[in-house]
């Protein structure tokens, strides 16, 4: 595979190896901000002694503070690649990278991710200071990615699907999604996102795909139906073929999720799997 694309950071093959070292063959739990993740707040104690690699995205601190810190855990990998969203969480990102931990930040320069940062932000110095903790991907509308010439290029999709592909590249033994509701929420619910009114939660970051003429529910469902469900299997098939990996077991712990590509399972089933009892 060729990792020399101008859209990647230098030495990206070594960065992939470091990601794999961090994941270390463990199951990856991706904590998304859908409202079904409230149940994990109440059940996270069941996973206290499980050896899991936790991935977060966008306004990830909400899930870290209200869920993972209950069991004294942190995210090992976070991702944000939205130029509209990244200025509001850059302080959180640098705090994450400043931790004396083996962790990584995933982002991209596609669509000028850092273009809206304040004028005093020095991207070059950011790259220098956090060099070994960074891995960047790119996106393309062609449906042939990733491939041997561009192993970190993905089909244009939503952040969750990109992060899932990075977990596969990290050689996760399995992937369990929490809060991956795809716009589904219980009747009468007042929040579209987990703790959306908490200080520090800025809502969605994928503003490239938002239609401001419709409401939040419609935006979420449109995103699911355009940028996840019709793409996921093709994207992962390309990925497995490129890297020569067997397919990864993926469970969605959201029984009513509008993400319909992967098995939608109960919390009991997901937790049992992560505890190695299935």
Protein backbone atom coordinates (compact mmCIF):
# COMPACT_ATOMS: atom_id res chain seq x y z
CA UNK A 1 0.00 0.00 0.00
CA UNK A 2 1.12 3.52 -0.78
CA UNK A 3 0.77 6.09 2.01
CA UNK A 4 2.44 9.02 0.23
CA UNK A 5 -0.62 11.01 -0.84
CA UNK A 6 -0.26 14.77 -0.36
CA UNK A 7 -3.56 14.58 1.57
CA UNK A 8 -1.91 12.52 4.34
CA UNK A 9 0.61 13.46 6.98
CA UNK A 10 4.21 12.30 6.42
CA UNK A 11 5.03 8.77 7.58
CA UNK A 12 1.38 7.75 7.61
CA UNK A 13 2.26 4.07 7.48
CA UNK A 14 3.97 4.48 10.88
CA UNK A 15 0.93 6.38 12.12
CA UNK A 16 -1.28 3.46 11.15
CA UNK A 17 1.01 1.12 13.07
CA UNK A 18 0.78 3.35 16.12
CA UNK A 19 -3.01 3.33 15.89
CA UNK A 20 -2.87 -0.46 15.77
CA UNK A 21 -0.62 -0.49 18.83
CA UNK A 22 -3.10 1.67 20.74
CA UNK A 23 -6.05 -0.52 19.80
CA UNK A 24 -3.91 -3.58 20.57
CA UNK A 25 -6.37 -6.08 19.16
CA UNK A 26 -9.10 -5.06 21.59
CA UNK A 27 -12.76 -4.41 20.95
CA UNK A 28 -13.43 -0.78 20.10
CA UNK A 29 -16.46 0.95 21.57
CA UNK A 30 -17.47 4.05 19.64
CA UNK A 31 -19.53 6.47 21.71
CA UNK A 32 -21.78 8.55 19.45
CA UNK A 33 -24.13 11.27 20.77
CA UNK A 34 -27.51 9.71 19.99
CA UNK A 35 -30.00 9.72 22.91
CA UNK A 36 -29.94 5.92 23.29
CA UNK A 37 -26.53 6.34 24.93
CA UNK A 38 -28.24 7.57 28.10
CA UNK A 39 -28.59 3.92 29.09
CA UNK A 40 -24.82 3.54 28.98
CA UNK A 41 -24.55 6.30 31.60
CA UNK A 42 -26.44 4.01 33.96
CA UNK A 43 -24.72 0.77 32.94
CA UNK A 44 -21.11 1.78 32.31
CA UNK A 45 -20.10 0.34 35.68
CA UNK A 46 -20.70 -3.11 34.19
CA UNK A 47 -17.74 -2.45 31.86
CA UNK A 48 -15.33 -1.15 34.49
CA UNK A 49 -13.02 -4.16 34.29
CA UNK A 50 -13.40 -4.81 30.57
CA UNK A 51 -10.34 -4.12 28.39
CA UNK A 52 -11.94 -1.88 25.76
CA UNK A 53 -10.48 0.79 23.50
CA UNK A 54 -12.84 3.77 23.48
CA UNK A 55 -13.26 6.01 20.41
CA UNK A 56 -15.05 9.37 20.44
CA UNK A 57 -15.97 11.98 17.87
CA UNK A 58 -16.81 15.66 17.51
CA UNK A 59 -18.06 17.01 20.88
CA UNK A 60 -16.68 13.91 22.56
CA UNK A 61 -16.07 15.48 25.98
CA UNK A 62 -19.77 15.12 26.87
CA UNK A 63 -19.56 11.33 26.66
CA UNK A 64 -16.17 11.23 28.36
CA UNK A 65 -17.27 13.35 31.32
CA UNK A 66 -20.69 11.78 31.86
CA UNK A 67 -19.89 8.17 31.00
CA UNK A 68 -16.24 7.14 30.87
CA UNK A 69 -15.05 9.15 33.85
CA UNK A 70 -17.50 7.22 36.01
CA UNK A 71 -15.16 4.24 35.59
CA UNK A 72 -11.96 6.29 35.48
CA UNK A 73 -11.49 5.79 31.73
CA UNK A 74 -10.63 8.14 28.85
CA UNK A 75 -11.01 7.99 25.11
CA UNK A 76 -7.90 6.62 23.45
CA UNK A 77 -8.84 7.93 20.01
CA UNK A 78 -10.93 10.95 19.04
CA UNK A 79 -11.90 12.37 15.67
CA UNK A 80 -13.10 15.71 14.35
CA UNK A 81 -12.73 16.79 10.74
CA UNK A 82 -15.40 19.46 10.34
CA UNK A 83 -14.08 22.94 9.62
CA UNK A 84 -17.23 24.42 11.19
CA UNK A 85 -16.99 22.30 14.31
CA UNK A 86 -13.29 22.13 15.02
CA UNK A 87 -12.73 25.76 16.16
CA UNK A 88 -15.15 25.28 19.07
CA UNK A 89 -13.44 22.14 20.37
CA UNK A 90 -9.77 22.81 19.61
CA UNK A 91 -9.13 23.50 23.30
CA UNK A 92 -10.58 20.09 24.15
CA UNK A 93 -8.46 18.48 21.44
CA UNK A 94 -5.20 19.99 22.69
CA UNK A 95 -6.08 19.03 26.27
CA UNK A 96 -6.64 15.48 25.04
CA UNK A 97 -3.32 15.43 23.20
CA UNK A 98 -1.48 16.92 26.18
CA UNK A 99 -2.38 13.91 28.32
CA UNK A 100 0.49 11.64 29.18
CA UNK A 101 -1.31 8.77 27.51
CA UNK A 102 -1.04 6.70 24.35
CA UNK A 103 -3.78 8.42 22.39
CA UNK A 104 -4.41 9.72 18.87
CA UNK A 105 -6.37 12.44 17.12
CA UNK A 106 -7.88 11.67 13.71
CA UNK A 107 -8.65 14.49 11.30
CA UNK A 108 -8.28 15.60 7.71
CA UNK A 109 -7.34 18.52 5.53
CA UNK A 110 -10.15 17.71 3.08
CA UNK A 111 -12.45 20.73 2.70
CA UNK A 112 -9.89 22.89 4.54
CA UNK A 113 -10.62 21.53 8.01
CA UNK A 114 -8.61 24.18 9.88
CA UNK A 115 -9.59 27.14 7.70
CA UNK A 116 -11.94 28.73 10.25
CA UNK A 117 -9.54 28.62 13.18
CA UNK A 118 -8.63 31.90 14.89
CA UNK A 119 -5.79 33.83 13.28
CA UNK A 120 -3.47 33.05 16.21
CA UNK A 121 -3.78 29.30 15.62
CA UNK A 122 -0.56 27.95 14.10
CA UNK A 123 -1.30 24.74 12.24
CA UNK A 124 2.37 24.09 11.52
CA UNK A 125 3.22 24.28 15.23
CA UNK A 126 0.22 22.07 16.02
CA UNK A 127 1.64 19.45 13.65
CA UNK A 128 5.10 19.76 15.20
CA UNK A 129 3.99 19.60 18.82
CA UNK A 130 1.60 16.66 18.46
CA UNK A 131 3.18 14.95 15.47
CA UNK A 132 3.25 11.37 16.70
CA UNK A 133 -0.34 11.53 17.98
CA UNK A 134 -1.91 12.56 14.66
CA UNK A 135 -3.27 10.58 11.74
CA UNK A 136 -5.10 12.21 8.83
CA UNK A 137 -7.39 10.72 6.18
CA UNK A 138 -9.03 12.13 3.06
CA UNK A 139 -12.41 11.78 1.36
CA UNK A 140 -13.53 11.39 -2.24
CA UNK A 141 -16.86 10.97 -4.03
CA UNK A 142 -15.52 8.05 -6.06
CA UNK A 143 -16.71 4.66 -4.82
CA UNK A 144 -13.39 2.88 -5.26
CA UNK A 145 -11.82 4.01 -1.97
CA UNK A 146 -9.87 3.01 -0.06
CA UNK A 147 -7.51 1.24 -2.44
CA UNK A 148 -3.85 0.31 -2.65
CA UNK A 149 -2.79 3.72 -3.97
CA UNK A 150 -4.91 5.66 -1.46
CA UNK A 151 -5.36 3.48 1.66
CA UNK A 152 -6.50 6.39 3.85
CA UNK A 153 -9.01 7.79 1.37
CA UNK A 154 -12.65 7.02 2.14
CA UNK A 155 -15.89 7.46 0.24
CA UNK A 156 -17.59 10.70 1.33
CA UNK A 157 -19.79 9.70 4.25
CA UNK A 158 -20.61 10.79 7.78
CA UNK A 159 -18.13 10.99 10.65
CA UNK A 160 -19.35 7.79 12.29
CA UNK A 161 -18.64 5.68 9.22
CA UNK A 162 -15.19 7.23 8.81
CA UNK A 163 -14.36 6.52 12.44
CA UNK A 164 -15.56 2.93 12.08
CA UNK A 165 -13.21 2.47 9.14
CA UNK A 166 -10.33 3.86 11.19
CA UNK A 167 -11.18 1.36 13.94
CA UNK A 168 -10.98 -1.44 11.37
CA UNK A 169 -7.60 -0.11 10.17
CA UNK A 170 -6.58 -0.10 13.84
CA UNK A 171 -7.30 -3.85 13.80
CA UNK A 172 -10.10 -3.81 16.34
CA UNK A 173 -11.21 -7.34 17.16
CA UNK A 174 -14.80 -6.07 17.06
CA UNK A 175 -16.64 -2.75 17.04
CA UNK A 176 -19.62 -1.85 19.22
CA UNK A 177 -21.52 1.35 18.53
CA UNK A 178 -23.28 3.20 21.33
CA UNK A 179 -25.58 6.15 20.69
CA UNK A 180 -25.59 5.44 16.95
CA UNK A 181 -29.29 6.16 16.44
CA UNK A 182 -29.23 7.76 13.01
CA UNK A 183 -32.10 10.12 13.84
CA UNK A 184 -34.21 7.63 15.77
CA UNK A 185 -35.43 8.75 19.18
CA UNK A 186 -38.21 7.80 21.58
CA UNK A 187 -41.60 9.46 21.26
CA UNK A 188 -41.74 12.59 23.40
CA UNK A 189 -37.99 12.93 23.70
CA UNK A 190 -36.82 16.53 23.96
CA UNK A 191 -33.20 16.06 22.97
CA UNK A 192 -31.77 15.09 19.59
CA UNK A 193 -28.32 14.52 21.12
CA UNK A 194 -26.98 13.15 24.37
CA UNK A 195 -26.97 15.99 26.95
CA UNK A 196 -27.23 18.56 24.19
CA UNK A 197 -27.84 21.38 26.65
CA UNK A 198 -24.72 20.71 28.70
CA UNK A 199 -22.04 23.38 28.63
CA UNK A 200 -19.47 22.37 26.08
CA UNK A 201 -21.82 20.40 23.83
CA UNK A 202 -22.00 22.13 20.47
CA UNK A 203 -24.28 19.82 18.55
CA UNK A 204 -23.51 18.31 15.16
CA UNK A 205 -20.29 19.03 13.33
CA UNK A 206 -21.13 17.62 9.91
CA UNK A 207 -22.54 20.95 8.73
CA UNK A 208 -21.47 20.19 5.17
CA UNK A 209 -24.52 17.99 4.92
CA UNK A 210 -27.10 19.97 6.91
CA UNK A 211 -30.19 21.37 5.20
CA UNK A 212 -31.24 24.40 7.23
CA UNK A 213 -34.71 24.42 5.65
CA UNK A 214 -35.70 21.33 7.64
CA UNK A 215 -35.58 20.34 11.30
CA UNK A 216 -32.97 18.41 13.29
CA UNK A 217 -34.74 15.06 12.94
CA UNK A 218 -34.97 15.36 9.16
CA UNK A 219 -31.29 16.35 8.93
CA UNK A 220 -30.23 13.34 10.96
CA UNK A 221 -32.38 10.95 8.93
CA UNK A 222 -31.18 12.45 5.63
CA UNK A 223 -27.59 12.05 6.78
CA UNK A 224 -28.27 8.41 7.67
CA UNK A 225 -29.98 7.63 4.38
CA UNK A 226 -27.43 9.39 2.16
CA UNK A 227 -24.11 9.14 3.96
CA UNK A 228 -24.24 5.86 5.89
CA UNK A 229 -26.72 3.15 4.92
CA UNK A 230 -26.03 3.04 1.15
CA UNK A 231 -22.27 3.40 1.57
CA UNK A 232 -21.20 1.37 4.59
CA UNK A 233 -20.95 -2.13 3.12
CA UNK A 234 -19.19 -0.97 -0.05
CA UNK A 235 -16.76 1.16 1.95
CA UNK A 236 -15.90 -1.68 4.32
CA UNK A 237 -15.57 -4.19 1.49
CA UNK A 238 -13.06 -1.87 -0.21
CA UNK A 239 -11.26 -1.53 3.11
CA UNK A 240 -11.02 -5.26 3.82
CA UNK A 241 -9.78 -5.93 0.29
CA UNK A 242 -7.18 -3.17 0.46
CA UNK A 243 -5.73 -4.16 3.82
CA UNK A 244 -6.25 -7.90 3.48
CA UNK A 245 -8.21 -8.03 6.74
CA UNK A 246 -11.04 -10.44 7.51
CA UNK A 247 -14.36 -8.73 8.15
CA UNK A 248 -14.77 -7.20 11.60
CA UNK A 249 -17.75 -8.01 13.78
CA UNK A 250 -19.80 -4.84 14.21
CA UNK A 251 -22.74 -4.45 16.59
CA UNK A 252 -25.00 -1.43 16.95
CA UNK A 253 -26.28 -1.12 20.52
CA UNK A 254 -29.39 0.78 19.49
CA UNK A 255 -32.31 -1.51 18.79
CA UNK A 256 -34.40 1.21 17.13
CA UNK A 257 -31.55 2.80 15.20
CA UNK A 258 -32.11 4.01 11.64
CA UNK A 259 -28.60 2.72 10.86
CA UNK A 260 -29.75 -0.60 9.45
CA UNK A 261 -26.57 -2.07 7.96
CA UNK A 262 -25.27 -3.84 11.06
CA UNK A 263 -27.02 -5.96 13.68
CA UNK A 264 -28.99 -3.79 16.12
CA UNK A 265 -28.71 -5.34 19.55
CA UNK A 266 -29.79 -4.71 23.12
CA UNK A 267 -27.55 -3.34 25.85
CA UNK A 268 -27.55 -6.78 27.45
CA UNK A 269 -26.20 -8.33 24.24
CA UNK A 270 -23.62 -5.58 23.65
CA UNK A 271 -22.29 -5.66 27.19
CA UNK A 272 -22.16 -9.44 27.19
CA UNK A 273 -20.10 -9.30 23.99
CA UNK A 274 -17.68 -6.72 25.40
CA UNK A 275 -17.21 -8.82 28.49
CA UNK A 276 -16.25 -11.78 26.32
CA UNK A 277 -19.32 -13.80 27.19
CA UNK A 278 -20.75 -14.20 23.72
